[in-house]
């Protein structure tokens, strides 16, 4: 009799534990993840600033949808930083398994001091040159530490589109990157509508996105992408999907710079907010080829980079298709 009673008590306790566990699991699924910044500070959540999940990352980790376990060492025979052959860096022509995305690689923190923005072509050039130096200071130790090459991009920031000297043809975009001569192109007249009413954040966001393409160029991603898209067909659905993955990754890289350096130097809250507004407007326009990503994904990947500050998290080449639409 006592044995049967003990069994019944044990069964009741086990059932209660299962019910409690299921309730906890349902609550965890129904609520969005707790914000890391709020957990560290104990503050209530707000709608702006780095550390808050973007639209891509609310319920999933977009870069890890189909990823293998993280690699314990650089791929493709790259020398480890600090080894005798560490100076013999070279690009790696790969996408999904590129060594920059195979380990957790952060970005250097910098105290970025920028000249005051003035709506005048020469002053804009001075601003962009200073911003390139900030981005160089953040990215150079990251790439060299990962055993990858680094070099600063050229900058072509003329007063008008007609005065662009870079090798690539222009289509009127506010900013672009020319891989043929590794030049960031920002014509003042083309960029002006995109930077109106911005103190400096939108201007820096434009530059940081194109700088993200420069990083893709120097490490070998851009060449691998070009080869893959040529093979798929430049304007096929598969080719355009590759373009979106490339663009969304550049946006994620740009977000990394703003998130890591939020609150340092001139990257204050207003600058971050202006850059975030620019990221929200960076997606494909209705009726245009789908080569940049939907607006919510363009914003989501920028925000994910700002939140995470980690190249491993910017591996759009592994992301599910829904996150690169």
Protein backbone atom coordinates (compact mmCIF):
# COMPACT_ATOMS: atom_id res chain seq x y z
CA UNK A 1 0.00 0.00 0.00
CA UNK A 2 2.75 2.44 1.00
CA UNK A 3 4.62 1.56 -2.22
CA UNK A 4 1.55 2.38 -4.36
CA UNK A 5 1.12 5.71 -2.54
CA UNK A 6 4.78 6.64 -3.09
CA UNK A 7 4.42 5.80 -6.79
CA UNK A 8 1.33 7.99 -7.09
CA UNK A 9 3.11 10.92 -5.38
CA UNK A 10 6.10 10.51 -7.67
CA UNK A 11 3.87 10.45 -10.77
CA UNK A 12 2.04 13.59 -9.58
CA UNK A 13 5.33 15.42 -9.00
CA UNK A 14 6.62 14.43 -12.43
CA UNK A 15 3.42 15.57 -14.13
CA UNK A 16 3.59 18.89 -12.33
CA UNK A 17 7.20 19.38 -13.50
CA UNK A 18 6.24 18.61 -17.09
CA UNK A 19 3.32 21.06 -17.00
CA UNK A 20 5.50 23.78 -15.47
CA UNK A 21 8.26 23.18 -18.04
CA UNK A 22 5.80 23.32 -20.92
CA UNK A 23 4.34 26.58 -19.62
CA UNK A 24 7.82 28.06 -19.32
CA UNK A 25 8.65 26.94 -22.85
CA UNK A 26 5.45 28.45 -24.25
CA UNK A 27 6.19 31.72 -22.46
CA UNK A 28 9.72 31.78 -23.86
CA UNK A 29 8.44 31.27 -27.41
CA UNK A 30 5.61 33.77 -27.15
CA UNK A 31 7.82 36.60 -25.89
CA UNK A 32 10.63 38.20 -27.85
CA UNK A 33 14.16 37.61 -26.52
CA UNK A 34 15.30 39.77 -23.63
CA UNK A 35 17.52 42.63 -24.69
CA UNK A 36 21.17 42.15 -23.78
CA UNK A 37 21.66 45.85 -23.05
CA UNK A 38 18.69 45.90 -20.70
CA UNK A 39 19.90 42.77 -18.93
CA UNK A 40 23.28 44.41 -18.34
CA UNK A 41 21.88 47.73 -17.11
CA UNK A 42 18.53 46.78 -15.66
CA UNK A 43 16.88 49.54 -17.68
CA UNK A 44 13.57 49.22 -19.48
CA UNK A 45 13.56 48.69 -23.22
CA UNK A 46 13.39 51.62 -25.62
CA UNK A 47 12.94 51.74 -29.37
CA UNK A 48 16.27 53.18 -30.46
CA UNK A 49 19.96 52.54 -29.98
CA UNK A 50 22.10 49.46 -30.51
CA UNK A 51 21.42 46.32 -28.53
CA UNK A 52 17.77 45.89 -29.54
CA UNK A 53 16.73 43.13 -31.92
CA UNK A 54 16.07 44.22 -35.51
CA UNK A 55 13.27 42.84 -37.64
CA UNK A 56 15.41 39.98 -38.98
CA UNK A 57 16.55 38.73 -35.61
CA UNK A 58 13.43 38.81 -33.46
CA UNK A 59 12.78 35.06 -33.52
CA UNK A 60 15.78 33.61 -35.32
CA UNK A 61 19.47 34.06 -35.86
CA UNK A 62 19.49 34.98 -39.57
CA UNK A 63 23.12 34.24 -40.28
CA UNK A 64 23.03 30.81 -38.68
CA UNK A 65 19.93 29.32 -40.31
CA UNK A 66 21.92 26.66 -42.16
CA UNK A 67 25.43 27.11 -40.81
CA UNK A 68 27.75 24.31 -39.70
CA UNK A 69 29.48 24.49 -36.31
CA UNK A 70 31.95 27.33 -35.99
CA UNK A 71 35.40 26.51 -37.32
CA UNK A 72 38.11 26.42 -34.62
CA UNK A 73 40.78 27.89 -36.92
CA UNK A 74 41.06 29.96 -40.11
CA UNK A 75 40.18 28.13 -43.31
CA UNK A 76 41.99 27.86 -46.64
CA UNK A 77 45.44 27.64 -45.08
CA UNK A 78 45.51 31.20 -43.74
CA UNK A 79 48.26 31.81 -41.18
CA UNK A 80 47.08 32.48 -37.67
CA UNK A 81 47.70 36.00 -36.40
CA UNK A 82 51.05 36.10 -34.58
CA UNK A 83 52.50 33.14 -36.47
CA UNK A 84 55.77 33.50 -38.45
CA UNK A 85 53.82 33.61 -41.74
CA UNK A 86 51.12 36.01 -40.54
CA UNK A 87 52.40 38.79 -42.79
CA UNK A 88 51.88 36.65 -45.93
CA UNK A 89 48.22 37.55 -46.17
CA UNK A 90 46.13 36.96 -49.26
CA UNK A 91 42.47 37.17 -50.20
CA UNK A 92 40.33 34.05 -50.03
CA UNK A 93 37.85 33.64 -52.88
CA UNK A 94 34.94 32.10 -51.00
CA UNK A 95 31.46 32.97 -49.79
CA UNK A 96 29.78 30.65 -47.27
CA UNK A 97 33.03 29.24 -45.88
CA UNK A 98 35.15 32.37 -45.96
CA UNK A 99 37.46 32.51 -42.91
CA UNK A 100 36.24 35.96 -41.95
CA UNK A 101 32.82 34.43 -41.23
CA UNK A 102 34.08 31.14 -39.79
CA UNK A 103 35.07 32.60 -36.43
CA UNK A 104 33.86 35.33 -34.12
CA UNK A 105 35.73 38.40 -35.35
CA UNK A 106 34.87 41.75 -33.80
CA UNK A 107 35.58 45.25 -35.01
CA UNK A 108 38.05 47.73 -33.57
CA UNK A 109 36.68 50.51 -31.38
CA UNK A 110 37.66 53.99 -32.44
CA UNK A 111 37.05 57.52 -31.18
CA UNK A 112 35.89 58.91 -34.49
CA UNK A 113 36.23 62.68 -34.65
CA UNK A 114 34.52 64.14 -37.71
CA UNK A 115 34.44 67.68 -39.08
CA UNK A 116 31.12 69.45 -38.97
CA UNK A 117 28.99 68.62 -41.99
CA UNK A 118 28.45 71.51 -44.36
CA UNK A 119 26.26 71.39 -47.45
CA UNK A 120 29.05 72.24 -49.86
CA UNK A 121 31.06 69.90 -52.13
CA UNK A 122 34.56 70.62 -50.80
CA UNK A 123 33.43 70.41 -47.18
CA UNK A 124 31.70 67.12 -48.00
CA UNK A 125 34.98 65.74 -49.36
CA UNK A 126 36.79 66.73 -46.17
CA UNK A 127 34.08 64.99 -44.12
CA UNK A 128 34.23 61.79 -46.16
CA UNK A 129 38.04 61.64 -46.02
CA UNK A 130 37.93 61.88 -42.23
CA UNK A 131 35.23 59.19 -42.11
CA UNK A 132 37.32 56.84 -44.27
CA UNK A 133 40.16 57.22 -41.77
CA UNK A 134 37.77 56.21 -38.96
CA UNK A 135 36.62 53.14 -40.86
CA UNK A 136 40.23 52.24 -41.70
CA UNK A 137 41.16 52.42 -38.03
CA UNK A 138 38.28 50.10 -37.12
CA UNK A 139 38.71 47.52 -39.90
CA UNK A 140 42.49 47.26 -40.34
CA UNK A 141 43.23 45.48 -37.03
CA UNK A 142 40.23 43.22 -37.60
CA UNK A 143 41.39 41.99 -41.00
CA UNK A 144 45.07 41.77 -40.13
CA UNK A 145 44.21 39.91 -36.94
CA UNK A 146 42.23 37.39 -39.03
CA UNK A 147 45.22 36.86 -41.35
CA UNK A 148 43.60 38.75 -44.21
CA UNK A 149 44.91 41.65 -46.32
CA UNK A 150 43.91 45.25 -45.74
CA UNK A 151 44.23 48.42 -47.78
CA UNK A 152 42.34 51.68 -47.63
CA UNK A 153 39.88 52.47 -50.42
CA UNK A 154 40.19 55.40 -52.78
CA UNK A 155 37.57 58.12 -52.49
CA UNK A 156 35.97 60.01 -55.37
CA UNK A 157 33.58 62.66 -54.04
CA UNK A 158 33.12 65.25 -56.81
CA UNK A 159 30.54 68.00 -56.93
CA UNK A 160 28.55 66.30 -59.72
CA UNK A 161 28.02 62.86 -61.20
CA UNK A 162 29.51 64.08 -64.48
CA UNK A 163 32.81 64.78 -62.70
CA UNK A 164 33.30 61.22 -61.39
CA UNK A 165 36.75 59.91 -62.35
CA UNK A 166 36.35 56.33 -61.17
CA UNK A 167 36.47 53.53 -63.76
CA UNK A 168 32.91 52.29 -63.24
CA UNK A 169 29.89 53.83 -65.03
CA UNK A 170 27.49 55.81 -62.85
CA UNK A 171 23.72 55.33 -62.67
CA UNK A 172 22.79 58.27 -60.45
CA UNK A 173 22.87 56.43 -57.12
CA UNK A 174 23.83 58.50 -54.05
CA UNK A 175 26.90 56.32 -53.51
CA UNK A 176 28.55 53.28 -55.08
CA UNK A 177 31.67 51.14 -54.94
CA UNK A 178 33.85 50.47 -57.98
CA UNK A 179 35.82 47.25 -57.56
CA UNK A 180 37.86 47.93 -60.73
CA UNK A 181 39.85 50.66 -58.98
CA UNK A 182 38.69 50.08 -55.37
CA UNK A 183 37.01 53.46 -55.14
CA UNK A 184 34.07 54.67 -53.06
CA UNK A 185 32.12 57.13 -55.22
CA UNK A 186 29.85 59.73 -53.57
CA UNK A 187 28.93 62.59 -55.93
CA UNK A 188 27.68 65.52 -53.90
CA UNK A 189 24.69 66.25 -56.14
CA UNK A 190 23.52 62.61 -56.18
CA UNK A 191 23.96 62.13 -52.42
CA UNK A 192 22.35 65.39 -51.36
CA UNK A 193 18.70 64.18 -51.37
CA UNK A 194 19.67 61.13 -49.29
CA UNK A 195 21.49 63.22 -46.69
CA UNK A 196 19.08 66.15 -46.39
CA UNK A 197 18.27 67.15 -42.79
CA UNK A 198 21.01 64.87 -41.44
CA UNK A 199 23.71 66.28 -39.17
CA UNK A 200 26.17 63.54 -40.16
CA UNK A 201 24.58 60.11 -39.61
CA UNK A 202 23.09 59.56 -43.08
CA UNK A 203 26.30 60.75 -44.72
CA UNK A 204 28.37 58.35 -42.62
CA UNK A 205 25.87 55.53 -43.29
CA UNK A 206 26.21 55.98 -47.06
CA UNK A 207 29.97 55.78 -46.80
CA UNK A 208 30.00 52.87 -44.34
CA UNK A 209 27.84 50.73 -46.65
CA UNK A 210 30.17 51.25 -49.61
CA UNK A 211 33.11 50.65 -47.31
CA UNK A 212 31.49 47.30 -46.52
CA UNK A 213 31.78 46.46 -50.22
CA UNK A 214 35.45 47.44 -50.08
CA UNK A 215 35.96 44.95 -47.25
CA UNK A 216 34.29 42.30 -49.42
CA UNK A 217 36.70 43.25 -52.21
CA UNK A 218 39.97 43.10 -50.29
CA UNK A 219 39.21 39.79 -48.54
CA UNK A 220 38.12 38.04 -51.77
CA UNK A 221 34.34 37.85 -51.30
CA UNK A 222 33.52 40.20 -54.15
CA UNK A 223 35.44 38.16 -56.71
CA UNK A 224 33.84 34.92 -55.52
CA UNK A 225 30.44 36.60 -55.75
CA UNK A 226 31.13 37.84 -59.30
CA UNK A 227 32.17 34.36 -60.41
CA UNK A 228 29.10 32.75 -58.80
CA UNK A 229 26.67 35.30 -60.22
CA UNK A 230 28.17 35.04 -63.69
CA UNK A 231 27.71 31.29 -63.51
CA UNK A 232 24.10 31.64 -62.29
CA UNK A 233 23.23 34.32 -64.86
CA UNK A 234 23.55 37.95 -63.94
CA UNK A 235 19.83 38.83 -64.15
CA UNK A 236 18.33 35.45 -63.26
CA UNK A 237 16.44 34.99 -60.00
CA UNK A 238 19.45 33.14 -58.58
CA UNK A 239 21.79 35.90 -59.71
CA UNK A 240 19.65 38.60 -58.12
CA UNK A 241 19.47 36.63 -54.88
CA UNK A 242 23.27 36.59 -54.78
CA UNK A 243 23.23 40.37 -55.24
CA UNK A 244 20.87 40.77 -52.29
CA UNK A 245 23.11 38.62 -50.11
CA UNK A 246 26.09 40.79 -51.07
CA UNK A 247 24.25 44.05 -50.37
CA UNK A 248 22.75 42.88 -47.09
CA UNK A 249 26.17 41.77 -45.89
CA UNK A 250 27.63 45.20 -46.68
CA UNK A 251 24.78 46.69 -44.67
CA UNK A 252 25.54 44.35 -41.77
CA UNK A 253 29.20 45.40 -41.87
CA UNK A 254 28.12 49.06 -41.79
CA UNK A 255 25.88 48.37 -38.81
CA UNK A 256 28.82 46.77 -37.00
CA UNK A 257 30.76 50.02 -37.21
CA UNK A 258 27.89 52.06 -35.75
CA UNK A 259 27.03 49.57 -33.01
CA UNK A 260 30.58 48.93 -31.81
CA UNK A 261 31.35 52.65 -31.70
CA UNK A 262 28.03 53.93 -30.41
CA UNK A 263 28.74 56.55 -27.75
CA UNK A 264 32.38 57.02 -28.77
CA UNK A 265 33.69 60.22 -30.37
CA UNK A 266 31.13 61.66 -32.76
CA UNK A 267 29.07 58.44 -33.05
CA UNK A 268 26.46 59.69 -30.59
CA UNK A 269 22.81 58.68 -30.34
CA UNK A 270 21.64 61.20 -32.90
CA UNK A 271 24.27 60.01 -35.40
CA UNK A 272 23.19 56.39 -34.82
CA UNK A 273 19.52 57.33 -35.28
CA UNK A 274 20.20 59.19 -38.54
CA UNK A 275 22.22 56.25 -39.83
CA UNK A 276 19.44 53.86 -38.83
CA UNK A 277 16.91 55.97 -40.74
CA UNK A 278 19.14 55.72 -43.80
CA UNK A 279 19.39 51.93 -43.38
CA UNK A 280 15.59 51.68 -43.25
CA UNK A 281 15.42 53.40 -46.63
CA UNK A 282 18.10 51.27 -48.28
CA UNK A 283 15.97 48.46 -49.70
CA UNK A 284 14.68 47.85 -53.21
CA UNK A 285 12.14 50.31 -54.58
CA UNK A 286 8.84 49.02 -56.03
CA UNK A 287 9.19 48.21 -59.72
CA UNK A 288 12.99 47.98 -59.64
CA UNK A 289 15.13 44.80 -59.90
CA UNK A 290 15.32 42.96 -56.59
CA UNK A 291 19.05 43.28 -56.08
CA UNK A 292 19.40 45.09 -52.73
CA UNK A 293 16.87 43.38 -50.46
CA UNK A 294 13.45 44.25 -49.09
CA UNK A 295 13.33 47.28 -46.83
CA UNK A 296 12.73 45.26 -43.66
CA UNK A 297 15.69 42.99 -44.45
CA UNK A 298 17.99 45.90 -45.32
CA UNK A 299 17.14 47.43 -41.96
CA UNK A 300 17.21 44.08 -40.15
CA UNK A 301 20.72 43.12 -41.29
CA UNK A 302 22.08 46.61 -40.52
CA UNK A 303 20.51 46.38 -37.07
CA UNK A 304 21.77 42.83 -36.57
CA UNK A 305 25.32 44.00 -37.31
CA UNK A 306 24.88 46.93 -34.93
CA UNK A 307 23.58 44.63 -32.19
CA UNK A 308 26.15 41.86 -32.59
CA UNK A 309 29.35 43.57 -33.82
CA UNK A 310 30.67 40.28 -35.16
CA UNK A 311 31.56 39.23 -38.73
CA UNK A 312 30.38 35.69 -37.96
CA UNK A 313 26.90 37.15 -37.53
CA UNK A 314 27.05 38.89 -40.93
CA UNK A 315 27.30 35.69 -42.99
CA UNK A 316 24.35 36.34 -45.29
CA UNK A 317 25.54 33.51 -47.55
CA UNK A 318 24.19 30.98 -45.03
CA UNK A 319 20.93 32.79 -44.32
CA UNK A 320 17.53 31.34 -45.20
CA UNK A 321 15.96 32.81 -48.31
CA UNK A 322 13.26 34.60 -46.31
CA UNK A 323 15.95 36.70 -44.66
CA UNK A 324 17.48 37.78 -47.95
CA UNK A 325 14.28 38.60 -49.84
